[in-house]
Structure formats: C-alpha cells, structure tokens
Amino acid sequence: MTAYSRRILVWTPRALGIAFAIFLSLFALDVFSEGYGFARTLFALMMHLIPTAIVLAVLALAWRWEWIGAVVFGSAGLLYAKMAWRHPSWILTISGPLFVLAALFLVSWLKRAGRGGTS
C-alpha cells in the first residue's frame, strides 16, 4: 500500500463523517418555518441537532479508534433501518451513509492494524 492510498484510506471516512453530520443538520432547518418564538425555536433547533451531536461525538472517538466508528455507525444504521422499515427511501438516505461509514472505518482499522491481507 502506497503512502497516498494509506492517506486516502485514513481521511475518507473522517471527511464523509463530517459531510454526513452536515447533511443531518440540514433536517433541523425546518424549525424555522414553524412560527415559534425565539426561545421555542432555539429549543426545537437544539432538539433537532441531537442526532448531529451524536454523530460528531462518535466521529471524534472514531478519529482515534476506527473500530468504534465501524461498530457504532454500523449499529446505528441497523437501528435506523429497523425503526424506519416502512419508509425504504428514508432507510437508504440515512442508513446507507451510515453503512458506508462503518465499512470505511472497518477497512481503515483493519489496514492500520495489519489485518487487511496484503500490504
């Protein structure tokens, strides 16, 4: 494995994790159309941003320990798919990126640990 491919393997899941957090935070913008006052809008915004905060917290842990990202993002994808089973498009939109992140963190962890086959 070249130094360039190693860098790509390390940085891709991290960059996509940040992009996914930004994507999730876009769903919080609907609170501004509800017509609440300032305090209720702020409270609703904070409630809508809880999933983003969780993704960022997991990403912070996975930044150092890739296996945590693989396990937690994969589990979150399964949990969301189970909760939203009546809405296949939602599952694809939310669980799909979570499964991709889990796979990328898993590959990164296996390569870094020397378990990824040929190096």
C-alpha atoms as a PDB file:
ATOM      1  CA  MET A   1       0.000   0.000   0.000  1.00  0.00           C
ATOM      2  CA  THR A   2       1.421   3.352  -1.003  1.00  0.00           C
ATOM      3  CA  ALA A   3       1.567   6.360   1.286  1.00  0.00           C
ATOM      4  CA  TYR A   4      -1.044   8.120  -0.862  1.00  0.00           C
ATOM      5  CA  SER A   5      -3.560   5.256  -0.680  1.00  0.00           C
ATOM      6  CA  ARG A   6      -2.950   4.978   3.055  1.00  0.00           C
ATOM      7  CA  ARG A   7      -3.766   8.675   3.476  1.00  0.00           C
ATOM      8  CA  ILE A   8      -6.911   8.298   1.367  1.00  0.00           C
ATOM      9  CA  LEU A   9      -7.989   5.306   3.458  1.00  0.00           C
ATOM     10  CA  VAL A  10      -7.491   7.261   6.682  1.00  0.00           C
ATOM     11  CA  TRP A  11      -9.106  10.553   5.636  1.00  0.00           C
ATOM     12  CA  THR A  12     -12.069   9.378   3.537  1.00  0.00           C
ATOM     13  CA  PRO A  13     -14.223   8.072   6.421  1.00  0.00           C
ATOM     14  CA  ARG A  14     -13.443  11.130   8.512  1.00  0.00           C
ATOM     15  CA  ALA A  15     -14.346  13.583   5.749  1.00  0.00           C
ATOM     16  CA  LEU A  16     -17.507  11.654   4.880  1.00  0.00           C
ATOM     17  CA  GLY A  17     -18.440  11.570   8.575  1.00  0.00           C
ATOM     18  CA  ILE A  18     -18.247  15.359   8.701  1.00  0.00           C
ATOM     19  CA  ALA A  19     -20.276  15.582   5.486  1.00  0.00           C
ATOM     20  CA  PHE A  20     -22.916  13.245   6.954  1.00  0.00           C
ATOM     21  CA  ALA A  21     -23.143  15.380  10.108  1.00  0.00           C
ATOM     22  CA  ILE A  22     -23.708  18.462   7.942  1.00  0.00           C
ATOM     23  CA  PHE A  23     -26.341  16.564   5.949  1.00  0.00           C
ATOM     24  CA  LEU A  24     -28.171  15.546   9.127  1.00  0.00           C
ATOM     25  CA  SER A  25     -28.103  19.085  10.452  1.00  0.00           C
ATOM     26  CA  LEU A  26     -29.968  20.275   7.347  1.00  0.00           C
ATOM     27  CA  PHE A  27     -33.058  18.480   8.661  1.00  0.00           C
ATOM     28  CA  ALA A  28     -33.046  20.816  11.668  1.00  0.00           C
ATOM     29  CA  LEU A  29     -33.727  23.841   9.496  1.00  0.00           C
ATOM     30  CA  ASP A  30     -37.440  23.056   9.323  1.00  0.00           C
ATOM     31  CA  VAL A  31     -37.910  24.501  12.832  1.00  0.00           C
ATOM     32  CA  PHE A  32     -37.642  28.000  11.388  1.00  0.00           C
ATOM     33  CA  SER A  33     -40.840  27.526   9.400  1.00  0.00           C
ATOM     34  CA  GLU A  34     -42.913  26.558  12.442  1.00  0.00           C
ATOM     35  CA  GLY A  35     -43.598  30.137  13.578  1.00  0.00           C
ATOM     36  CA  TYR A  36     -42.380  29.668  17.153  1.00  0.00           C
ATOM     37  CA  GLY A  37     -40.972  32.460  19.246  1.00  0.00           C
ATOM     38  CA  PHE A  38     -37.243  32.807  19.764  1.00  0.00           C
ATOM     39  CA  ALA A  39     -36.960  30.568  22.839  1.00  0.00           C
ATOM     40  CA  ARG A  40     -39.130  27.755  21.426  1.00  0.00           C
ATOM     41  CA  THR A  41     -37.314  27.907  18.083  1.00  0.00           C
ATOM     42  CA  LEU A  42     -33.964  27.684  19.836  1.00  0.00           C
ATOM     43  CA  PHE A  43     -35.161  24.740  21.926  1.00  0.00           C
ATOM     44  CA  ALA A  44     -36.574  22.959  18.862  1.00  0.00           C
ATOM     45  CA  LEU A  45     -33.327  23.576  16.976  1.00  0.00           C
ATOM     46  CA  MET A  46     -31.298  22.059  19.792  1.00  0.00           C
ATOM     47  CA  MET A  47     -33.589  19.013  19.877  1.00  0.00           C
ATOM     48  CA  HIS A  48     -33.266  18.536  16.122  1.00  0.00           C
ATOM     49  CA  LEU A  49     -29.473  18.774  16.335  1.00  0.00           C
ATOM     50  CA  ILE A  50     -29.107  15.933  18.875  1.00  0.00           C
ATOM     51  CA  PRO A  51     -28.514  13.288  16.145  1.00  0.00           C
ATOM     52  CA  THR A  52     -25.824  15.510  14.630  1.00  0.00           C
ATOM     53  CA  ALA A  53     -24.153  15.865  18.020  1.00  0.00           C
ATOM     54  CA  ILE A  54     -24.188  12.086  18.448  1.00  0.00           C
ATOM     55  CA  VAL A  55     -22.640  11.570  15.006  1.00  0.00           C
ATOM     56  CA  LEU A  56     -19.935  14.131  15.818  1.00  0.00           C
ATOM     57  CA  ALA A  57     -19.221  12.501  19.193  1.00  0.00           C
ATOM     58  CA  VAL A  58     -18.864   9.069  17.573  1.00  0.00           C
ATOM     59  CA  LEU A  59     -16.721  10.598  14.849  1.00  0.00           C
ATOM     60  CA  ALA A  60     -14.456  12.148  17.496  1.00  0.00           C
ATOM     61  CA  LEU A  61     -13.956   8.712  19.077  1.00  0.00           C
ATOM     62  CA  ALA A  62     -13.561   7.007  15.705  1.00  0.00           C
ATOM     63  CA  TRP A  63     -10.947   9.556  14.710  1.00  0.00           C
ATOM     64  CA  ARG A  64      -8.560   7.767  17.056  1.00  0.00           C
ATOM     65  CA  TRP A  65     -10.127   4.305  17.339  1.00  0.00           C
ATOM     66  CA  GLU A  66     -11.524   3.279  13.953  1.00  0.00           C
ATOM     67  CA  TRP A  67     -13.175   0.138  15.304  1.00  0.00           C
ATOM     68  CA  ILE A  68     -15.541   2.328  17.339  1.00  0.00           C
ATOM     69  CA  GLY A  69     -16.704   4.029  14.144  1.00  0.00           C
ATOM     70  CA  ALA A  70     -17.199   0.671  12.443  1.00  0.00           C
ATOM     71  CA  VAL A  71     -19.265  -0.747  15.304  1.00  0.00           C
ATOM     72  CA  VAL A  72     -21.320   2.322  16.234  1.00  0.00           C
ATOM     73  CA  PHE A  73     -22.073   3.570  12.717  1.00  0.00           C
ATOM     74  CA  GLY A  74     -22.989   0.041  11.608  1.00  0.00           C
ATOM     75  CA  SER A  75     -25.212  -0.443  14.649  1.00  0.00           C
ATOM     76  CA  ALA A  76     -26.841   2.958  14.128  1.00  0.00           C
ATOM     77  CA  GLY A  77     -27.565   2.045  10.512  1.00  0.00           C
ATOM     78  CA  LEU A  78     -29.227  -1.209  11.580  1.00  0.00           C
ATOM     79  CA  LEU A  79     -31.191   0.517  14.333  1.00  0.00           C
ATOM     80  CA  TYR A  80     -32.460   3.226  11.999  1.00  0.00           C
ATOM     81  CA  ALA A  81     -33.385   0.650   9.344  1.00  0.00           C
ATOM     82  CA  LYS A  82     -35.367  -1.261  11.952  1.00  0.00           C
ATOM     83  CA  MET A  83     -37.152   1.885  13.159  1.00  0.00           C
ATOM     84  CA  ALA A  84     -37.965   3.215   9.667  1.00  0.00           C
ATOM     85  CA  TRP A  85     -38.778  -0.085   7.964  1.00  0.00           C
ATOM     86  CA  ARG A  86     -41.982   1.335   6.449  1.00  0.00           C
ATOM     87  CA  HIS A  87     -40.048   4.028   4.597  1.00  0.00           C
ATOM     88  CA  PRO A  88     -37.423   2.431   2.319  1.00  0.00           C
ATOM     89  CA  SER A  89     -36.295   5.776   0.907  1.00  0.00           C
ATOM     90  CA  TRP A  90     -35.567   7.043   4.411  1.00  0.00           C
ATOM     91  CA  ILE A  91     -33.550   3.917   5.136  1.00  0.00           C
ATOM     92  CA  LEU A  92     -31.483   4.443   2.011  1.00  0.00           C
ATOM     93  CA  THR A  93     -30.954   8.119   2.804  1.00  0.00           C
ATOM     94  CA  ILE A  94     -29.887   7.705   6.441  1.00  0.00           C
ATOM     95  CA  SER A  95     -28.751   4.096   6.924  1.00  0.00           C
ATOM     96  CA  GLY A  96     -26.941   3.907   3.592  1.00  0.00           C
ATOM     97  CA  PRO A  97     -24.313   6.523   4.506  1.00  0.00           C
ATOM     98  CA  LEU A  98     -24.012   5.025   7.988  1.00  0.00           C
ATOM     99  CA  PHE A  99     -23.210   1.611   6.492  1.00  0.00           C
ATOM    100  CA  VAL A 100     -20.673   3.200   4.128  1.00  0.00           C
ATOM    101  CA  LEU A 101     -19.016   4.989   7.066  1.00  0.00           C
ATOM    102  CA  ALA A 102     -18.947   1.761   9.073  1.00  0.00           C
ATOM    103  CA  ALA A 103     -17.347  -0.123   6.181  1.00  0.00           C
ATOM    104  CA  LEU A 104     -14.745   2.589   5.581  1.00  0.00           C
ATOM    105  CA  PHE A 105     -13.801   2.770   9.258  1.00  0.00           C
ATOM    106  CA  LEU A 106     -13.594  -1.025   9.362  1.00  0.00           C
ATOM    107  CA  VAL A 107     -11.263  -1.168   6.349  1.00  0.00           C
ATOM    108  CA  SER A 108      -9.169   1.666   7.773  1.00  0.00           C
ATOM    109  CA  TRP A 109      -8.900  -0.098  11.124  1.00  0.00           C
ATOM    110  CA  LEU A 110      -8.023  -3.456   9.573  1.00  0.00           C
ATOM    111  CA  LYS A 111      -5.345  -1.921   7.362  1.00  0.00           C
ATOM    112  CA  ARG A 112      -3.870   0.096  10.189  1.00  0.00           C
ATOM    113  CA  ALA A 113      -3.828  -2.938  12.479  1.00  0.00           C
ATOM    114  CA  GLY A 114      -2.135  -5.012   9.792  1.00  0.00           C
ATOM    115  CA  ARG A 115      -5.081  -7.369   9.411  1.00  0.00           C
ATOM    116  CA  GLY A 116      -6.141  -6.314   5.938  1.00  0.00           C
ATOM    117  CA  GLY A 117      -4.439  -9.014   3.923  1.00  0.00           C
ATOM    118  CA  THR A 118      -1.572  -7.928   1.674  1.00  0.00           C
ATOM    119  CA  SER A 119       0.026  -4.604   2.466  1.00  0.00           C
END
